[in-house]
């Protein structure tokens, strides 16, 4: 099953709240990676719509 990056971010944030110190760095890095991927997806979508006339 796949789910969107927003859901993955929320799941990682929940894990981060309950993580022990040894896991925090790993979860934080994964969270930052997913946030970067989401920002890239948004930028691509914005670029795709930039050339379209307003409706």
N, C-alpha and C. Protein backbone atom coordinates (compact mmCIF):
# COMPACT_ATOMS: atom_id res chain seq x y z
N UNK A 1 0.84 -1.18 0.00
CA UNK A 1 0.00 0.00 0.00
C UNK A 1 0.89 1.25 0.00
N UNK A 2 0.55 2.18 -0.82
CA UNK A 2 1.28 3.44 -0.84
C UNK A 2 0.41 4.54 -0.28
N UNK A 3 1.04 5.57 0.22
CA UNK A 3 0.30 6.72 0.71
C UNK A 3 1.11 7.97 0.43
N UNK A 4 0.45 9.09 0.50
CA UNK A 4 1.06 10.34 0.12
C UNK A 4 2.12 10.82 1.10
N UNK A 5 2.93 11.74 0.62
CA UNK A 5 3.99 12.27 1.47
C UNK A 5 3.46 12.99 2.71
N UNK A 6 2.28 13.60 2.60
CA UNK A 6 1.73 14.28 3.78
C UNK A 6 1.47 13.28 4.91
N UNK A 7 0.91 12.11 4.56
CA UNK A 7 0.65 11.08 5.55
C UNK A 7 1.96 10.53 6.13
N UNK A 8 2.95 10.38 5.28
CA UNK A 8 4.24 9.89 5.73
C UNK A 8 4.89 10.89 6.69
N UNK A 9 4.75 12.18 6.40
CA UNK A 9 5.29 13.21 7.28
C UNK A 9 4.62 13.15 8.64
N UNK A 10 3.31 13.03 8.65
CA UNK A 10 2.59 12.95 9.92
C UNK A 10 3.00 11.71 10.72
N UNK A 11 3.18 10.60 10.05
CA UNK A 11 3.60 9.38 10.72
C UNK A 11 5.00 9.55 11.33
N UNK A 12 5.91 10.14 10.56
CA UNK A 12 7.26 10.35 11.07
C UNK A 12 7.28 11.34 12.23
N UNK A 13 6.45 12.38 12.16
CA UNK A 13 6.37 13.33 13.27
C UNK A 13 5.89 12.64 14.54
N UNK A 14 4.92 11.73 14.41
CA UNK A 14 4.44 10.98 15.56
C UNK A 14 5.54 10.08 16.12
N UNK A 15 6.26 9.42 15.24
CA UNK A 15 7.37 8.57 15.67
C UNK A 15 8.43 9.40 16.39
N UNK A 16 8.70 10.58 15.87
CA UNK A 16 9.72 11.45 16.45
C UNK A 16 9.35 11.86 17.87
N UNK A 17 8.07 12.14 18.10
CA UNK A 17 7.62 12.52 19.44
C UNK A 17 7.87 11.42 20.46
N UNK A 18 7.78 10.17 20.03
CA UNK A 18 7.90 9.04 20.95
C UNK A 18 9.24 8.31 20.85
N UNK A 19 10.18 8.85 20.09
CA UNK A 19 11.45 8.17 19.86
C UNK A 19 12.41 8.38 21.02
N UNK A 20 13.24 7.37 21.21
CA UNK A 20 14.31 7.55 22.19
C UNK A 20 15.45 8.31 21.51
N UNK A 21 16.36 8.86 22.29
CA UNK A 21 17.42 9.70 21.72
C UNK A 21 18.24 9.02 20.62
N UNK A 22 18.42 7.74 20.70
CA UNK A 22 19.20 7.03 19.69
C UNK A 22 18.49 7.01 18.33
N UNK A 23 17.17 7.03 18.33
CA UNK A 23 16.41 6.98 17.08
C UNK A 23 16.10 8.36 16.50
N UNK A 24 16.19 9.39 17.30
CA UNK A 24 15.76 10.73 16.88
C UNK A 24 16.50 11.23 15.63
N UNK A 25 17.80 11.05 15.56
CA UNK A 25 18.56 11.54 14.42
C UNK A 25 18.14 10.84 13.12
N UNK A 26 17.94 9.54 13.20
CA UNK A 26 17.54 8.77 12.02
C UNK A 26 16.15 9.21 11.54
N UNK A 27 15.21 9.34 12.47
CA UNK A 27 13.85 9.74 12.11
C UNK A 27 13.84 11.17 11.59
N UNK A 28 14.61 12.05 12.21
CA UNK A 28 14.69 13.44 11.75
C UNK A 28 15.23 13.53 10.33
N UNK A 29 16.23 12.73 10.02
CA UNK A 29 16.79 12.72 8.67
C UNK A 29 15.77 12.22 7.65
N UNK A 30 15.05 11.17 8.00
CA UNK A 30 14.02 10.65 7.10
C UNK A 30 12.90 11.67 6.91
N UNK A 31 12.52 12.34 7.99
CA UNK A 31 11.49 13.37 7.91
C UNK A 31 11.92 14.51 6.99
N UNK A 32 13.16 14.94 7.11
CA UNK A 32 13.65 16.01 6.26
C UNK A 32 13.68 15.58 4.79
N UNK A 33 14.02 14.32 4.54
CA UNK A 33 14.04 13.81 3.17
C UNK A 33 12.63 13.83 2.56
N UNK A 34 11.64 13.40 3.31
CA UNK A 34 10.27 13.38 2.80
C UNK A 34 9.76 14.81 2.59
N UNK A 35 10.11 15.71 3.50
CA UNK A 35 9.71 17.12 3.32
C UNK A 35 10.33 17.70 2.06
N UNK A 36 11.58 17.36 1.78
CA UNK A 36 12.25 17.83 0.57
C UNK A 36 11.58 17.27 -0.68
N UNK A 37 11.23 16.00 -0.64
CA UNK A 37 10.53 15.38 -1.77
C UNK A 37 9.18 16.04 -2.01
N UNK A 38 8.45 16.34 -0.94
CA UNK A 38 7.15 17.00 -1.07
C UNK A 38 7.32 18.39 -1.67
N UNK A 39 8.31 19.14 -1.20
CA UNK A 39 8.56 20.47 -1.73
C UNK A 39 8.90 20.40 -3.22
N UNK A 40 9.65 19.39 -3.62
CA UNK A 40 9.99 19.21 -5.03
C UNK A 40 8.74 18.89 -5.86
N UNK A 41 7.88 18.05 -5.33
CA UNK A 41 6.64 17.71 -6.03
C UNK A 41 5.75 18.94 -6.20
N UNK A 42 5.69 19.77 -5.18
CA UNK A 42 4.89 21.00 -5.25
C UNK A 42 5.48 21.95 -6.27
N UNK A 43 6.80 22.08 -6.29
CA UNK A 43 7.45 22.96 -7.26
C UNK A 43 7.19 22.51 -8.69
N UNK A 44 7.25 21.22 -8.93
CA UNK A 44 6.99 20.69 -10.27
C UNK A 44 5.54 20.97 -10.67
N UNK A 45 4.62 20.77 -9.74
CA UNK A 45 3.21 21.03 -10.03
C UNK A 45 2.98 22.51 -10.31
N UNK A 46 3.61 23.37 -9.52
CA UNK A 46 3.48 24.81 -9.74
C UNK A 46 4.02 25.21 -11.11
N UNK A 47 5.15 24.64 -11.49
CA UNK A 47 5.74 24.94 -12.81
C UNK A 47 4.82 24.48 -13.93
N UNK A 48 4.19 23.33 -13.74
CA UNK A 48 3.30 22.79 -14.76
C UNK A 48 2.08 23.69 -14.97
N UNK A 49 1.63 24.33 -13.90
CA UNK A 49 0.44 25.19 -13.97
C UNK A 49 0.79 26.64 -14.30
N UNK A 50 2.04 27.00 -14.26
CA UNK A 50 2.43 28.39 -14.47
C UNK A 50 2.12 28.85 -15.89
N UNK A 51 2.20 27.98 -16.86
CA UNK A 51 1.96 28.36 -18.23
C UNK A 51 0.51 28.32 -18.65
N UNK A 52 -0.36 27.86 -17.78
CA UNK A 52 -1.78 27.77 -18.12
C UNK A 52 -2.48 29.09 -17.87
N UNK A 53 -3.42 29.44 -18.75
CA UNK A 53 -4.17 30.67 -18.52
C UNK A 53 -5.13 30.50 -17.34
N UNK A 54 -5.42 31.56 -16.63
CA UNK A 54 -6.37 31.45 -15.50
C UNK A 54 -7.76 31.10 -16.00
N UNK A 55 -8.52 30.43 -15.16
CA UNK A 55 -9.88 30.03 -15.55
C UNK A 55 -10.90 30.87 -14.86
